[in-house]
PDB file of N, CA and C in Angstrom:
ATOM      1  N   UNK A   1       0.815  -1.217   0.079  1.00  0.00           N
ATOM      2  CA  UNK A   1       0.055   0.000   0.106  1.00  0.00           C
ATOM      3  C   UNK A   1       0.870   1.259   0.045  1.00  0.00           C
ATOM      4  N   UNK A   2       1.922   1.331   0.903  1.00  0.00           N
ATOM      5  CA  UNK A   2       2.708   2.506   0.980  1.00  0.00           C
ATOM      6  C   UNK A   2       3.541   2.582  -0.410  1.00  0.00           C
ATOM      7  N   UNK A   3       3.880   1.629  -1.127  1.00  0.00           N
ATOM      8  CA  UNK A   3       4.666   1.658  -2.310  1.00  0.00           C
ATOM      9  C   UNK A   3       3.723   2.272  -3.288  1.00  0.00           C
ATOM     10  N   UNK A   4       2.488   1.822  -3.347  1.00  0.00           N
ATOM     11  CA  UNK A   4       1.448   2.434  -4.297  1.00  0.00           C
ATOM     12  C   UNK A   4       1.187   3.802  -4.116  1.00  0.00           C
ATOM     13  N   UNK A   5       1.181   4.402  -2.798  1.00  0.00           N
ATOM     14  CA  UNK A   5       1.133   5.693  -2.483  1.00  0.00           C
ATOM     15  C   UNK A   5       2.260   6.547  -2.970  1.00  0.00           C
ATOM     16  N   UNK A   6       3.488   5.979  -2.810  1.00  0.00           N
ATOM     17  CA  UNK A   6       4.657   6.694  -3.065  1.00  0.00           C
ATOM     18  C   UNK A   6       4.788   6.797  -4.613  1.00  0.00           C
ATOM     19  N   UNK A   7       4.267   5.694  -5.296  1.00  0.00           N
ATOM     20  CA  UNK A   7       4.273   5.804  -6.862  1.00  0.00           C
ATOM     21  C   UNK A   7       3.343   6.856  -7.279  1.00  0.00           C
ATOM     22  N   UNK A   8       2.209   6.865  -6.780  1.00  0.00           N
ATOM     23  CA  UNK A   8       1.198   7.828  -7.200  1.00  0.00           C
ATOM     24  C   UNK A   8       1.665   9.341  -6.904  1.00  0.00           C
ATOM     25  N   UNK A   9       2.252   9.485  -5.756  1.00  0.00           N
ATOM     26  CA  UNK A   9       2.945  10.813  -5.552  1.00  0.00           C
ATOM     27  C   UNK A   9       4.054  11.250  -6.473  1.00  0.00           C
ATOM     28  N   UNK A  10       4.846  10.160  -6.853  1.00  0.00           N
ATOM     29  CA  UNK A  10       5.997  10.469  -7.783  1.00  0.00           C
ATOM     30  C   UNK A  10       5.343  10.848  -9.127  1.00  0.00           C
ATOM     31  N   UNK A  11       4.421  10.103  -9.629  1.00  0.00           N
ATOM     32  CA  UNK A  11       3.721  10.298 -10.933  1.00  0.00           C
ATOM     33  C   UNK A  11       3.098  11.681 -10.943  1.00  0.00           C
ATOM     34  N   UNK A  12       2.476  12.164  -9.906  1.00  0.00           N
ATOM     35  CA  UNK A  12       1.812  13.347  -9.828  1.00  0.00           C
ATOM     36  C   UNK A  12       2.850  14.555  -9.766  1.00  0.00           C
ATOM     37  N   UNK A  13       3.875  14.336  -9.051  1.00  0.00           N
ATOM     38  CA  UNK A  13       5.058  15.283  -9.102  1.00  0.00           C
ATOM     39  C   UNK A  13       5.614  15.497 -10.493  1.00  0.00           C
ATOM     40  N   UNK A  14       5.999  14.318 -11.156  1.00  0.00           N
ATOM     41  CA  UNK A  14       6.517  14.454 -12.529  1.00  0.00           C
ATOM     42  C   UNK A  14       5.552  15.188 -13.569  1.00  0.00           C
ATOM     43  N   UNK A  15       4.201  14.680 -13.413  1.00  0.00           N
ATOM     44  CA  UNK A  15       3.296  15.303 -14.311  1.00  0.00           C
ATOM     45  C   UNK A  15       3.258  16.825 -14.086  1.00  0.00           C
ATOM     46  N   UNK A  16       3.219  17.268 -12.840  1.00  0.00           N
ATOM     47  CA  UNK A  16       2.940  18.731 -12.705  1.00  0.00           C
ATOM     48  C   UNK A  16       4.280  19.404 -12.975  1.00  0.00           C
ATOM     49  N   UNK A  17       5.429  18.877 -12.857  1.00  0.00           N
ATOM     50  CA  UNK A  17       6.674  19.569 -13.314  1.00  0.00           C
ATOM     51  C   UNK A  17       6.749  19.677 -14.730  1.00  0.00           C
ATOM     52  N   UNK A  18       6.132  18.709 -15.560  1.00  0.00           N
ATOM     53  CA  UNK A  18       6.250  18.787 -17.012  1.00  0.00           C
ATOM     54  C   UNK A  18       5.168  19.726 -17.651  1.00  0.00           C
ATOM     55  N   UNK A  19       4.167  20.084 -16.789  1.00  0.00           N
ATOM     56  CA  UNK A  19       3.070  20.934 -17.373  1.00  0.00           C
ATOM     57  C   UNK A  19       3.536  22.161 -17.756  1.00  0.00           C
ATOM     58  N   UNK A  20       3.142  22.647 -19.005  1.00  0.00           N
ATOM     59  CA  UNK A  20       3.440  23.957 -19.536  1.00  0.00           C
ATOM     60  C   UNK A  20       2.574  25.053 -18.791  1.00  0.00           C
ATOM     61  N   UNK A  21       3.136  26.223 -18.516  1.00  0.00           N
ATOM     62  CA  UNK A  21       2.373  27.315 -17.693  1.00  0.00           C
ATOM     63  C   UNK A  21       1.898  28.383 -18.790  1.00  0.00           C
ATOM     64  N   UNK A  22       0.678  28.598 -18.863  1.00  0.00           N
ATOM     65  CA  UNK A  22       0.171  29.520 -19.746  1.00  0.00           C
ATOM     66  C   UNK A  22      -0.770  30.699 -18.998  1.00  0.00           C
ATOM     67  N   UNK A  23      -0.813  31.770 -19.641  1.00  0.00           N
ATOM     68  CA  UNK A  23      -1.764  32.742 -19.137  1.00  0.00           C
ATOM     69  C   UNK A  23      -3.134  32.376 -19.550  1.00  0.00           C
ATOM     70  N   UNK A  24      -4.187  32.428 -18.684  1.00  0.00           N
ATOM     71  CA  UNK A  24      -5.527  31.910 -18.940  1.00  0.00           C
ATOM     72  C   UNK A  24      -6.559  32.976 -18.503  1.00  0.00           C
ATOM     73  N   UNK A  25      -7.207  33.475 -19.539  1.00  0.00           N
ATOM     74  CA  UNK A  25      -8.136  34.597 -19.367  1.00  0.00           C
ATOM     75  C   UNK A  25      -9.134  34.759 -20.416  1.00  0.00           C
ATOM     76  N   UNK A  26     -10.275  35.259 -20.285  1.00  0.00           N
ATOM     77  CA  UNK A  26     -11.182  35.603 -21.322  1.00  0.00           C
ATOM     78  C   UNK A  26     -11.562  37.066 -21.349  1.00  0.00           C
ATOM     79  N   UNK A  27     -11.622  37.695 -22.442  1.00  0.00           N
ATOM     80  CA  UNK A  27     -11.975  39.036 -22.549  1.00  0.00           C
ATOM     81  C   UNK A  27     -10.859  39.861 -21.645  1.00  0.00           C
ATOM     82  N   UNK A  28      -9.659  39.653 -21.910  1.00  0.00           N
ATOM     83  CA  UNK A  28      -8.507  40.194 -21.141  1.00  0.00           C
ATOM     84  C   UNK A  28      -7.810  41.411 -21.998  1.00  0.00           C
ATOM     85  N   UNK A  29      -6.945  42.003 -21.294  1.00  0.00           N
ATOM     86  CA  UNK A  29      -6.108  43.157 -21.845  1.00  0.00           C
ATOM     87  C   UNK A  29      -5.208  42.578 -22.886  1.00  0.00           C
ATOM     88  N   UNK A  30      -4.622  43.469 -23.779  1.00  0.00           N
ATOM     89  CA  UNK A  30      -3.624  43.207 -24.690  1.00  0.00           C
ATOM     90  C   UNK A  30      -2.388  42.591 -23.949  1.00  0.00           C
ATOM     91  N   UNK A  31      -1.951  43.180 -22.889  1.00  0.00           N
ATOM     92  CA  UNK A  31      -0.884  42.702 -22.064  1.00  0.00           C
ATOM     93  C   UNK A  31      -1.459  41.777 -21.053  1.00  0.00           C
ATOM     94  N   UNK A  32      -0.566  40.679 -20.736  1.00  0.00           N
ATOM     95  CA  UNK A  32      -0.920  39.586 -19.822  1.00  0.00           C
ATOM     96  C   UNK A  32      -0.795  40.234 -18.387  1.00  0.00           C
ATOM     97  N   UNK A  33      -1.582  39.583 -17.582  1.00  0.00           N
ATOM     98  CA  UNK A  33      -1.573  39.867 -16.035  1.00  0.00           C
ATOM     99  C   UNK A  33      -0.926  38.766 -15.416  1.00  0.00           C
ATOM    100  N   UNK A  34       0.135  38.952 -14.583  1.00  0.00           N
ATOM    101  CA  UNK A  34       0.822  37.820 -13.973  1.00  0.00           C
ATOM    102  C   UNK A  34      -0.164  36.970 -13.126  1.00  0.00           C
ATOM    103  N   UNK A  35      -1.225  37.603 -12.755  1.00  0.00           N
ATOM    104  CA  UNK A  35      -2.320  36.755 -11.837  1.00  0.00           C
ATOM    105  C   UNK A  35      -2.851  35.723 -12.621  1.00  0.00           C
ATOM    106  N   UNK A  36      -2.786  35.904 -13.965  1.00  0.00           N
ATOM    107  CA  UNK A  36      -3.513  34.808 -14.944  1.00  0.00           C
ATOM    108  C   UNK A  36      -2.609  33.628 -15.359  1.00  0.00           C
ATOM    109  N   UNK A  37      -1.351  33.661 -14.762  1.00  0.00           N
ATOM    110  CA  UNK A  37      -0.472  32.627 -15.287  1.00  0.00           C
ATOM    111  C   UNK A  37      -0.587  31.346 -14.311  1.00  0.00           C
ATOM    112  N   UNK A  38      -0.840  30.108 -14.925  1.00  0.00           N
ATOM    113  CA  UNK A  38      -1.182  29.033 -14.200  1.00  0.00           C
ATOM    114  C   UNK A  38      -0.679  27.718 -14.979  1.00  0.00           C
ATOM    115  N   UNK A  39      -0.616  26.653 -14.162  1.00  0.00           N
ATOM    116  CA  UNK A  39      -0.262  25.201 -14.844  1.00  0.00           C
ATOM    117  C   UNK A  39      -1.496  24.871 -15.785  1.00  0.00           C
ATOM    118  N   UNK A  40      -1.042  24.173 -16.970  1.00  0.00           N
ATOM    119  CA  UNK A  40      -2.051  23.498 -17.711  1.00  0.00           C
ATOM    120  C   UNK A  40      -2.184  22.075 -17.291  1.00  0.00           C
ATOM    121  N   UNK A  41      -3.159  21.472 -17.776  1.00  0.00           N
ATOM    122  CA  UNK A  41      -3.231  19.918 -17.549  1.00  0.00           C
ATOM    123  C   UNK A  41      -2.187  19.380 -18.414  1.00  0.00           C
ATOM    124  N   UNK A  42      -1.639  18.260 -17.872  1.00  0.00           N
ATOM    125  CA  UNK A  42      -0.528  17.596 -18.438  1.00  0.00           C
ATOM    126  C   UNK A  42      -0.605  17.247 -19.870  1.00  0.00           C
ATOM    127  N   UNK A  43      -1.832  16.990 -20.284  1.00  0.00           N
ATOM    128  CA  UNK A  43      -2.086  16.508 -21.680  1.00  0.00           C
ATOM    129  C   UNK A  43      -2.072  17.680 -22.699  1.00  0.00           C
ATOM    130  N   UNK A  44      -2.166  18.949 -22.185  1.00  0.00           N
ATOM    131  CA  UNK A  44      -2.039  20.100 -23.064  1.00  0.00           C
ATOM    132  C   UNK A  44      -0.755  20.547 -23.218  1.00  0.00           C
ATOM    133  N   UNK A  45      -0.277  20.832 -24.381  1.00  0.00           N
ATOM    134  CA  UNK A  45       1.147  20.977 -24.680  1.00  0.00           C
ATOM    135  C   UNK A  45       1.562  22.281 -25.150  1.00  0.00           C
ATOM    136  N   UNK A  46       0.603  23.278 -25.239  1.00  0.00           N
ATOM    137  CA  UNK A  46       0.865  24.653 -25.909  1.00  0.00           C
ATOM    138  C   UNK A  46       0.011  25.588 -25.210  1.00  0.00           C
ATOM    139  N   UNK A  47       0.390  26.851 -25.420  1.00  0.00           N
ATOM    140  CA  UNK A  47      -0.464  28.021 -25.097  1.00  0.00           C
ATOM    141  C   UNK A  47      -0.988  28.695 -26.314  1.00  0.00           C
ATOM    142  N   UNK A  48      -2.161  29.397 -26.202  1.00  0.00           N
ATOM    143  CA  UNK A  48      -2.662  30.187 -27.203  1.00  0.00           C
ATOM    144  C   UNK A  48      -3.078  31.515 -26.780  1.00  0.00           C
ATOM    145  N   UNK A  49      -3.066  32.398 -27.714  1.00  0.00           N
ATOM    146  CA  UNK A  49      -3.746  33.827 -27.531  1.00  0.00           C
ATOM    147  C   UNK A  49      -4.440  34.246 -28.725  1.00  0.00           C
ATOM    148  N   UNK A  50      -5.705  34.557 -28.619  1.00  0.00           N
ATOM    149  CA  UNK A  50      -6.528  34.973 -29.723  1.00  0.00           C
ATOM    150  C   UNK A  50      -6.771  36.480 -29.672  1.00  0.00           C
ATOM    151  N   UNK A  51      -6.960  37.128 -30.817  1.00  0.00           N
ATOM    152  CA  UNK A  51      -7.314  38.560 -30.833  1.00  0.00           C
ATOM    153  C   UNK A  51      -8.554  38.647 -31.811  1.00  0.00           C
ATOM    154  N   UNK A  52      -9.569  39.127 -31.319  1.00  0.00           N
ATOM    155  CA  UNK A  52     -10.788  39.395 -32.230  1.00  0.00           C
ATOM    156  C   UNK A  52     -10.797  40.754 -32.383  1.00  0.00           C
ATOM    157  N   UNK A  53     -10.822  41.276 -33.677  1.00  0.00           N
ATOM    158  CA  UNK A  53     -10.914  42.624 -34.034  1.00  0.00           C
ATOM    159  C   UNK A  53     -12.149  42.988 -34.760  1.00  0.00           C
ATOM    160  N   UNK A  54     -13.009  43.840 -34.097  1.00  0.00           N
ATOM    161  CA  UNK A  54     -14.250  44.229 -34.548  1.00  0.00           C
ATOM    162  C   UNK A  54     -14.273  45.829 -34.542  1.00  0.00           C
ATOM    163  N   UNK A  55     -13.945  46.235 -35.797  1.00  0.00           N
ATOM    164  CA  UNK A  55     -13.959  47.649 -35.937  1.00  0.00           C
ATOM    165  C   UNK A  55     -12.590  48.336 -35.106  1.00  0.00           C
ATOM    166  N   UNK A  56     -12.899  49.092 -34.192  1.00  0.00           N
ATOM    167  CA  UNK A  56     -11.833  49.605 -33.310  1.00  0.00           C
ATOM    168  C   UNK A  56     -11.667  48.886 -31.954  1.00  0.00           C
ATOM    169  N   UNK A  57     -12.443  47.837 -31.800  1.00  0.00           N
ATOM    170  CA  UNK A  57     -12.540  47.132 -30.493  1.00  0.00           C
ATOM    171  C   UNK A  57     -11.753  45.760 -30.647  1.00  0.00           C
ATOM    172  N   UNK A  58     -10.797  45.479 -29.853  1.00  0.00           N
ATOM    173  CA  UNK A  58      -9.936  44.332 -29.773  1.00  0.00           C
ATOM    174  C   UNK A  58     -10.321  43.550 -28.518  1.00  0.00           C
ATOM    175  N   UNK A  59     -10.554  42.268 -28.540  1.00  0.00           N
ATOM    176  CA  UNK A  59     -10.713  41.432 -27.536  1.00  0.00           C
ATOM    177  C   UNK A  59      -9.786  40.219 -27.521  1.00  0.00           C
ATOM    178  N   UNK A  60      -9.148  39.869 -26.463  1.00  0.00           N
ATOM    179  CA  UNK A  60      -8.225  38.904 -26.277  1.00  0.00           C
ATOM    180  C   UNK A  60      -8.707  37.704 -25.327  1.00  0.00           C
ATOM    181  N   UNK A  61      -8.214  36.575 -25.667  1.00  0.00           N
ATOM    182  CA  UNK A  61      -8.470  35.279 -24.885  1.00  0.00           C
ATOM    183  C   UNK A  61      -7.161  34.626 -24.822  1.00  0.00           C
ATOM    184  N   UNK A  62      -6.825  34.016 -23.722  1.00  0.00           N
ATOM    185  CA  UNK A  62      -5.511  33.282 -23.637  1.00  0.00           C
ATOM    186  C   UNK A  62      -5.959  31.948 -22.807  1.00  0.00           C
ATOM    187  N   UNK A  63      -5.104  30.862 -23.126  1.00  0.00           N
ATOM    188  CA  UNK A  63      -5.240  29.706 -22.401  1.00  0.00           C
ATOM    189  C   UNK A  63      -4.350  28.522 -22.965  1.00  0.00           C
ATOM    190  N   UNK A  64      -4.678  27.286 -22.481  1.00  0.00           N
ATOM    191  CA  UNK A  64      -3.915  26.000 -22.775  1.00  0.00           C
ATOM    192  C   UNK A  64      -4.560  25.453 -24.000  1.00  0.00           C
ATOM    193  N   UNK A  65      -3.730  24.663 -24.824  1.00  0.00           N
ATOM    194  CA  UNK A  65      -4.412  24.026 -25.744  1.00  0.00           C
ATOM    195  C   UNK A  65      -3.434  22.896 -26.394  1.00  0.00           C
ATOM    196  N   UNK A  66      -3.901  22.182 -27.253  1.00  0.00           N
ATOM    197  CA  UNK A  66      -3.021  21.228 -27.982  1.00  0.00           C
ATOM    198  C   UNK A  66      -2.154  21.962 -29.048  1.00  0.00           C
ATOM    199  N   UNK A  67      -0.944  21.588 -29.345  1.00  0.00           N
ATOM    200  CA  UNK A  67      -0.277  22.277 -30.381  1.00  0.00           C
ATOM    201  C   UNK A  67      -0.873  21.823 -31.784  1.00  0.00           C
ATOM    202  N   UNK A  68      -1.292  22.722 -32.584  1.00  0.00           N
ATOM    203  CA  UNK A  68      -1.676  22.347 -33.868  1.00  0.00           C
ATOM    204  C   UNK A  68      -0.710  21.891 -34.789  1.00  0.00           C
ATOM    205  N   UNK A  69      -1.206  20.724 -35.604  1.00  0.00           N
ATOM    206  CA  UNK A  69      -0.113  20.087 -36.443  1.00  0.00           C
ATOM    207  C   UNK A  69       0.350  20.937 -37.478  1.00  0.00           C
ATOM    208  N   UNK A  70      -0.394  21.863 -37.968  1.00  0.00           N
ATOM    209  CA  UNK A  70      -0.065  22.805 -39.081  1.00  0.00           C
ATOM    210  C   UNK A  70       0.675  24.030 -38.719  1.00  0.00           C
ATOM    211  N   UNK A  71       1.055  24.241 -37.420  1.00  0.00           N
ATOM    212  CA  UNK A  71       1.770  25.417 -37.047  1.00  0.00           C
ATOM    213  C   UNK A  71       3.052  24.861 -36.380  1.00  0.00           C
ATOM    214  N   UNK A  72       4.095  25.730 -36.462  1.00  0.00           N
ATOM    215  CA  UNK A  72       5.488  25.420 -35.881  1.00  0.00           C
ATOM    216  C   UNK A  72       5.873  26.460 -35.031  1.00  0.00           C
ATOM    217  N   UNK A  73       6.320  26.256 -33.734  1.00  0.00           N
ATOM    218  CA  UNK A  73       6.864  27.301 -32.833  1.00  0.00           C
ATOM    219  C   UNK A  73       5.781  28.329 -32.536  1.00  0.00           C
ATOM    220  N   UNK A  74       6.175  29.558 -32.810  1.00  0.00           N
ATOM    221  CA  UNK A  74       5.412  30.691 -32.296  1.00  0.00           C
ATOM    222  C   UNK A  74       4.447  31.170 -33.546  1.00  0.00           C
ATOM    223  N   UNK A  75       4.235  30.327 -34.489  1.00  0.00           N
ATOM    224  CA  UNK A  75       3.474  30.795 -35.652  1.00  0.00           C
ATOM    225  C   UNK A  75       2.083  31.222 -35.104  1.00  0.00           C
ATOM    226  N   UNK A  76       1.518  32.129 -36.065  1.00  0.00           N
ATOM    227  CA  UNK A  76       0.162  32.733 -35.778  1.00  0.00           C
ATOM    228  C   UNK A  76      -0.656  32.540 -37.208  1.00  0.00           C
ATOM    229  N   UNK A  77      -1.769  32.643 -37.042  1.00  0.00           N
ATOM    230  CA  UNK A  77      -2.655  32.459 -38.090  1.00  0.00           C
ATOM    231  C   UNK A  77      -3.996  33.375 -38.097  1.00  0.00           C
ATOM    232  N   UNK A  78      -4.487  33.824 -39.253  1.00  0.00           N
ATOM    233  CA  UNK A  78      -5.685  34.598 -39.323  1.00  0.00           C
ATOM    234  C   UNK A  78      -6.749  33.443 -39.815  1.00  0.00           C
ATOM    235  N   UNK A  79      -7.752  33.410 -38.981  1.00  0.00           N
ATOM    236  CA  UNK A  79      -8.849  32.258 -39.184  1.00  0.00           C
ATOM    237  C   UNK A  79      -9.992  32.942 -40.007  1.00  0.00           C
ATOM    238  N   UNK A  80     -10.084  32.311 -41.170  1.00  0.00           N
ATOM    239  CA  UNK A  80     -11.193  32.861 -41.920  1.00  0.00           C
ATOM    240  C   UNK A  80     -12.247  31.663 -41.991  1.00  0.00           C
ATOM    241  N   UNK A  81     -13.418  32.005 -41.470  1.00  0.00           N
ATOM    242  CA  UNK A  81     -14.586  31.085 -41.620  1.00  0.00           C
ATOM    243  C   UNK A  81     -15.431  31.402 -42.729  1.00  0.00           C
ATOM    244  N   UNK A  82     -15.534  30.446 -43.756  1.00  0.00           N
ATOM    245  CA  UNK A  82     -16.249  30.900 -44.916  1.00  0.00           C
ATOM    246  C   UNK A  82     -17.874  30.805 -44.692  1.00  0.00           C
ATOM    247  N   UNK A  83     -18.249  30.247 -43.517  1.00  0.00           N
ATOM    248  CA  UNK A  83     -19.625  30.032 -43.214  1.00  0.00           C
ATOM    249  C   UNK A  83     -20.056  31.085 -42.264  1.00  0.00           C
ATOM    250  N   UNK A  84     -19.260  31.974 -41.791  1.00  0.00           N
ATOM    251  CA  UNK A  84     -19.687  32.885 -40.898  1.00  0.00           C
ATOM    252  C   UNK A  84     -19.055  34.281 -41.297  1.00  0.00           C
ATOM    253  N   UNK A  85     -19.870  35.137 -41.649  1.00  0.00           N
ATOM    254  CA  UNK A  85     -19.253  36.594 -42.097  1.00  0.00           C
ATOM    255  C   UNK A  85     -19.951  37.524 -41.058  1.00  0.00           C
ATOM    256  N   UNK A  86     -19.157  37.542 -39.808  1.00  0.00           N
ATOM    257  CA  UNK A  86     -19.577  38.403 -38.701  1.00  0.00           C
ATOM    258  C   UNK A  86     -18.894  39.696 -38.600  1.00  0.00           C
ATOM    259  N   UNK A  87     -17.883  39.926 -39.688  1.00  0.00           N
ATOM    260  CA  UNK A  87     -17.214  41.181 -39.643  1.00  0.00           C
ATOM    261  C   UNK A  87     -16.206  41.233 -38.559  1.00  0.00           C
ATOM    262  N   UNK A  88     -15.830  40.234 -37.986  1.00  0.00           N
ATOM    263  CA  UNK A  88     -14.757  40.173 -36.855  1.00  0.00           C
ATOM    264  C   UNK A  88     -13.611  39.422 -37.535  1.00  0.00           C
ATOM    265  N   UNK A  89     -12.347  39.952 -37.420  1.00  0.00           N
ATOM    266  CA  UNK A  89     -11.227  39.231 -37.689  1.00  0.00           C
ATOM    267  C   UNK A  89     -10.705  38.408 -36.599  1.00  0.00           C
ATOM    268  N   UNK A  90     -10.461  37.222 -36.817  1.00  0.00           N
ATOM    269  CA  UNK A  90     -10.088  36.291 -35.623  1.00  0.00           C
ATOM    270  C   UNK A  90      -8.566  36.002 -35.942  1.00  0.00           C
ATOM    271  N   UNK A  91      -7.687  36.207 -35.032  1.00  0.00           N
ATOM    272  CA  UNK A  91      -6.273  35.984 -35.112  1.00  0.00           C
ATOM    273  C   UNK A  91      -5.872  35.143 -33.928  1.00  0.00           C
ATOM    274  N   UNK A  92      -5.042  34.089 -34.062  1.00  0.00           N
ATOM    275  CA  UNK A  92      -4.667  32.941 -33.123  1.00  0.00           C
ATOM    276  C   UNK A  92      -3.251  32.747 -33.307  1.00  0.00           C
ATOM    277  N   UNK A  93      -2.627  32.717 -32.185  1.00  0.00           N
ATOM    278  CA  UNK A  93      -1.314  32.213 -32.030  1.00  0.00           C
ATOM    279  C   UNK A  93      -1.056  31.038 -31.015  1.00  0.00           C
ATOM    280  N   UNK A  94      -0.130  30.190 -31.337  1.00  0.00           N
ATOM    281  CA  UNK A  94       0.107  29.017 -30.448  1.00  0.00           C
ATOM    282  C   UNK A  94       1.651  29.130 -30.232  1.00  0.00           C
ATOM    283  N   UNK A  95       2.087  28.542 -29.130  1.00  0.00           N
ATOM    284  CA  UNK A  95       3.455  28.625 -28.675  1.00  0.00           C
ATOM    285  C   UNK A  95       3.709  27.438 -27.613  1.00  0.00           C
ATOM    286  N   UNK A  96       4.839  27.109 -27.519  1.00  0.00           N
ATOM    287  CA  UNK A  96       5.150  25.798 -26.647  1.00  0.00           C
ATOM    288  C   UNK A  96       6.142  26.099 -25.542  1.00  0.00           C
ATOM    289  N   UNK A  97       6.256  27.292 -24.954  1.00  0.00           N
ATOM    290  CA  UNK A  97       6.999  27.620 -23.889  1.00  0.00           C
ATOM    291  C   UNK A  97       6.224  28.226 -22.696  1.00  0.00           C
ATOM    292  N   UNK A  98       6.790  28.063 -21.543  1.00  0.00           N
ATOM    293  CA  UNK A  98       6.014  28.728 -20.364  1.00  0.00           C
ATOM    294  C   UNK A  98       5.775  30.185 -20.733  1.00  0.00           C
ATOM    295  N   UNK A  99       4.631  30.748 -20.379  1.00  0.00           N
ATOM    296  CA  UNK A  99       4.285  32.072 -20.371  1.00  0.00           C
ATOM    297  C   UNK A  99       4.500  32.750 -21.799  1.00  0.00           C
ATOM    298  N   UNK A 100       4.379  32.026 -22.835  1.00  0.00           N
ATOM    299  CA  UNK A 100       4.749  32.500 -24.148  1.00  0.00           C
ATOM    300  C   UNK A 100       3.465  33.290 -24.776  1.00  0.00           C
ATOM    301  N   UNK A 101       2.240  33.104 -24.220  1.00  0.00           N
ATOM    302  CA  UNK A 101       1.114  33.779 -24.731  1.00  0.00           C
ATOM    303  C   UNK A 101       0.805  35.054 -24.030  1.00  0.00           C
ATOM    304  N   UNK A 102       1.922  35.913 -23.740  1.00  0.00           N
ATOM    305  CA  UNK A 102       1.647  37.154 -22.990  1.00  0.00           C
ATOM    306  C   UNK A 102       1.105  38.210 -23.917  1.00  0.00           C
ATOM    307  N   UNK A 103       1.383  38.146 -25.246  1.00  0.00           N
ATOM    308  CA  UNK A 103       0.992  39.222 -26.139  1.00  0.00           C
ATOM    309  C   UNK A 103       0.863  38.578 -27.568  1.00  0.00           C
ATOM    310  N   UNK A 104       0.252  39.253 -28.398  1.00  0.00           N
ATOM    311  CA  UNK A 104       0.097  38.836 -29.958  1.00  0.00           C
ATOM    312  C   UNK A 104       1.483  38.930 -30.584  1.00  0.00           C
ATOM    313  N   UNK A 105       1.592  37.948 -31.415  1.00  0.00           N
ATOM    314  CA  UNK A 105       2.758  37.903 -32.374  1.00  0.00           C
ATOM    315  C   UNK A 105       2.364  38.410 -33.664  1.00  0.00           C
ATOM    316  N   UNK A 106       3.351  38.480 -34.595  1.00  0.00           N
ATOM    317  CA  UNK A 106       2.995  38.792 -35.963  1.00  0.00           C
ATOM    318  C   UNK A 106       2.258  37.533 -36.722  1.00  0.00           C
ATOM    319  N   UNK A 107       1.185  37.916 -37.515  1.00  0.00           N
ATOM    320  CA  UNK A 107       0.421  36.984 -38.130  1.00  0.00           C
ATOM    321  C   UNK A 107       1.228  36.528 -39.565  1.00  0.00           C
ATOM    322  N   UNK A 108       1.439  35.142 -39.630  1.00  0.00           N
ATOM    323  CA  UNK A 108       2.265  34.624 -40.667  1.00  0.00           C
ATOM    324  C   UNK A 108       1.312  33.583 -41.646  1.00  0.00           C
ATOM    325  N   UNK A 109       0.088  33.193 -41.108  1.00  0.00           N
ATOM    326  CA  UNK A 109      -0.559  32.221 -41.918  1.00  0.00           C
ATOM    327  C   UNK A 109      -1.991  32.610 -42.051  1.00  0.00           C
ATOM    328  N   UNK A 110      -2.655  32.244 -43.024  1.00  0.00           N
ATOM    329  CA  UNK A 110      -4.150  32.431 -43.045  1.00  0.00           C
ATOM    330  C   UNK A 110      -4.729  31.052 -43.257  1.00  0.00           C
ATOM    331  N   UNK A 111      -5.705  30.752 -42.364  1.00  0.00           N
ATOM    332  CA  UNK A 111      -6.329  29.443 -42.431  1.00  0.00           C
ATOM    333  C   UNK A 111      -7.955  29.542 -42.705  1.00  0.00           C
TER     334      UNK A 111
END
């Protein structure tokens, strides 16, 4: 029983030390707030930031995610949804280092 408990504690410690830390917030400011930095679930391997531009208004969202297969490193993309013409530009960046989603990067890809 004690060996099983020690093994469970070891696995939990290793999993938490390997988890990426990302800023996590909805409708937040352009610059990240240190209070929003937290550990992601161990199965999430990347951070994201999105910027929605509607006229003069910009809205930001940050969080944890899977790393998209079509993006490398700090790549960003402009998301074009052919089925929704809401007049809002959706920009998304993914990255795979702790606290890397603090601000928007340059858009390099259109999806």
